[in-house]
Protein backbone atom coordinates (compact mmCIF):
# COMPACT_ATOMS: atom_id res chain seq x y z
CA MET A 1 86.27 94.97 115.44
CA GLU A 2 88.26 97.65 113.70
CA LEU A 3 86.48 99.73 111.12
CA THR A 4 88.60 101.23 108.40
CA LEU A 5 86.93 104.04 106.52
CA LEU A 6 88.09 105.07 103.09
CA ILE A 7 87.44 108.19 101.13
CA ALA A 8 86.25 106.79 97.84
CA PHE A 9 86.12 109.01 94.82
CA LEU A 10 84.67 107.09 91.91
CA LEU A 11 84.96 109.02 88.72
CA CYS A 12 82.47 108.82 85.89
CA ALA A 13 84.10 109.81 82.60
CA PRO A 14 86.58 112.17 84.26
CA THR A 15 87.73 115.09 82.21
CA PRO A 16 90.78 117.15 83.11
CA ALA A 17 90.00 120.86 83.22
CA LEU A 18 93.35 121.89 81.76
CA ALA A 19 95.92 120.51 79.34
CA GLN A 20 98.33 118.46 81.40
CA SER A 21 102.08 118.79 81.69
CA SER A 22 104.22 116.84 84.12
CA SER A 23 103.98 119.65 86.70
CA ALA A 24 100.39 120.81 86.08
CA PRO A 25 97.73 119.64 88.54
CA ILE A 26 95.26 117.02 87.39
CA ILE A 27 91.66 118.09 87.93
CA ALA A 28 88.85 115.59 87.39
CA SER A 29 85.13 115.48 88.10
CA GLY A 30 83.01 112.63 89.39
CA ALA A 31 80.86 111.57 92.32
CA CYS A 32 82.14 110.69 95.79
CA ASP A 33 81.13 107.39 97.31
CA GLU A 34 78.45 107.56 100.04
CA HIS A 35 81.00 106.34 102.61
CA SER A 36 83.29 109.35 102.05
CA GLY A 37 83.98 111.43 105.11
CA VAL A 38 85.65 111.60 108.49
CA THR A 39 85.08 109.83 111.80
CA ILE A 40 86.53 110.90 115.14
CA ASP A 41 87.06 108.27 117.85
CA GLU A 42 85.01 105.79 115.78
CA GLY A 43 81.90 107.97 116.12
CA ASP A 44 79.39 108.77 113.42
CA LEU A 45 80.56 109.52 109.91
CA SER A 46 80.74 113.20 109.01
CA ARG A 47 79.99 112.67 105.34
CA LEU A 48 81.90 114.55 102.67
CA TYR A 49 79.97 115.43 99.55
CA CYS A 50 82.43 115.95 96.74
CA ASP A 51 82.51 116.12 92.98
CA THR A 52 86.09 117.18 92.20
CA VAL A 53 89.55 115.77 92.81
CA VAL A 54 92.78 117.73 92.36
CA ILE A 55 96.10 115.88 92.24
CA MET A 56 99.39 117.76 92.25
CA ARG A 57 103.08 117.03 92.79
CA SER A 58 105.35 119.28 94.83
CA GLU A 59 108.91 120.15 93.88
CA ARG A 60 110.10 117.66 96.52
CA GLY A 61 108.24 114.85 94.75
CA THR A 62 105.44 114.40 97.26
CA VAL A 63 101.85 114.30 96.02
CA LEU A 64 98.73 116.03 97.38
CA ILE A 65 95.29 114.65 96.51
CA GLN A 66 92.36 116.89 97.49
CA PHE A 67 88.64 116.12 97.37
CA THR A 68 86.09 118.95 97.34
CA ASP A 69 82.51 119.84 96.43
CA LYS A 70 82.94 122.36 93.64
CA GLN A 71 79.23 122.49 92.77
CA GLY A 72 77.54 122.24 96.17
CA ASP A 73 77.38 123.71 99.63
CA ASP A 74 79.69 121.34 101.53
CA GLY A 75 82.63 123.75 101.39
CA ARG A 76 85.09 121.33 102.99
CA ILE A 77 88.28 119.97 101.45
CA ILE A 78 89.95 116.76 102.55
CA GLY A 79 93.52 116.23 101.42
CA PHE A 80 95.92 113.30 101.48
CA ALA A 81 99.67 113.85 101.08
CA GLY A 82 102.43 111.32 100.59
CA THR A 83 104.76 109.64 98.13
CA ILE A 84 103.86 107.49 95.12
CA GLU A 85 105.64 104.15 95.13
CA SER A 86 108.87 104.34 93.15
CA ARG A 87 108.37 108.14 92.85
CA GLN A 88 106.73 107.68 89.45
CA GLY A 89 105.11 110.37 87.35
CA PHE A 90 101.32 110.62 87.22
CA GLY A 91 99.82 107.76 85.26
CA ALA A 92 103.14 105.98 84.74
CA ASP A 93 101.30 102.71 85.45
CA ALA A 94 97.66 101.70 85.07
CA THR A 95 97.44 101.52 88.88
CA GLN A 96 99.50 103.65 91.25
CA VAL A 97 99.66 103.47 95.03
CA MET A 98 100.59 106.39 97.26
CA ALA A 99 101.63 105.95 100.89
CA VAL A 100 99.65 108.57 102.85
CA GLU A 101 101.82 110.45 105.35
CA ARG A 102 99.46 113.31 106.25
CA VAL A 103 95.73 114.04 106.10
CA TYR A 104 94.47 117.63 105.77
CA LEU A 105 91.01 118.32 107.22
CA GLY A 106 90.86 122.03 106.49
CA GLY A 107 92.74 123.16 109.59
CA ALA A 108 96.17 124.71 109.71
CA ASP A 109 97.96 121.57 110.90
CA PRO A 110 97.85 118.24 109.06
CA VAL A 111 97.09 114.99 110.86
CA PRO A 112 100.14 112.69 110.65
CA THR A 113 98.99 109.20 109.69
CA GLU A 114 99.81 105.92 111.33
CA ARG A 115 98.74 104.23 108.13
CA GLY A 116 97.01 105.13 104.91
CA SER A 117 97.13 104.86 101.17
CA CYS A 118 95.63 106.20 97.97
CA ILE A 119 95.07 104.12 94.87
CA MET A 120 94.80 105.83 91.48
CA ASN A 121 93.60 103.93 88.42
CA TRP A 122 94.30 105.09 84.85
CA THR A 123 93.13 103.96 81.40
CA GLY A 124 96.76 103.98 80.26
CA LEU A 125 99.90 106.07 80.39
CA HIS A 126 98.99 109.66 81.25
CA ARG A 127 101.68 111.15 79.00
CA THR A 128 100.11 109.39 76.00
CA GLY A 129 96.52 110.40 76.76
CA GLY A 130 95.62 107.98 79.55
CA ARG A 131 92.83 109.21 81.81
CA LEU A 132 92.24 108.95 85.53
CA THR A 133 89.30 106.59 86.18
CA SER A 134 89.20 106.41 89.98
CA VAL A 135 90.92 107.53 93.17
CA VAL A 136 90.44 105.86 96.55
CA CYS A 137 92.15 107.30 99.64
CA GLY A 138 92.13 106.50 103.31
CA GLY A 139 94.19 107.44 106.32
CA ARG A 140 94.18 107.07 110.07
CA GLY A 141 96.05 109.15 112.62
CA GLU A 142 95.81 110.93 115.93
CA ALA A 143 95.25 114.63 116.54
CA GLU A 144 94.73 116.31 119.91
CA GLY A 145 94.19 112.91 121.54
CA SER A 146 91.46 111.87 119.10
CA ASP A 147 91.57 108.95 116.64
CA ILE A 148 90.87 110.39 113.18
CA MET A 149 89.87 108.27 110.15
CA ALA A 150 89.33 109.85 106.76
């Protein structure tokens, strides 16, 4: 039986920290799901405690979504990088899907993914005041001979 683990970041009344432009990062607060974390070779879950998500677009059009624990002692950041379907702007649709190409676990080198995706849900168009309501990301790849799921 294959177990697929997802990083789930469920936001409760997210509030961006800064005014948003098309190139400004989106920063929102909320609580991570209890199943958030990383497993190596289908071992025990190394849980990630997080309360902040940062979403930003590079000049090339790729997107980086990072989860971190701004208020606590976890200190780790898990990032997912890839391309939003149709290369849309943030919040162009109520639901957006990003194909995850790389997972960042805090080391220098990203883990290339065999498969993965992020789903972002919005209350409406971001450019007209729509807000991010949830982000769910997951990815699986191989690094140094180990099967990594985040």
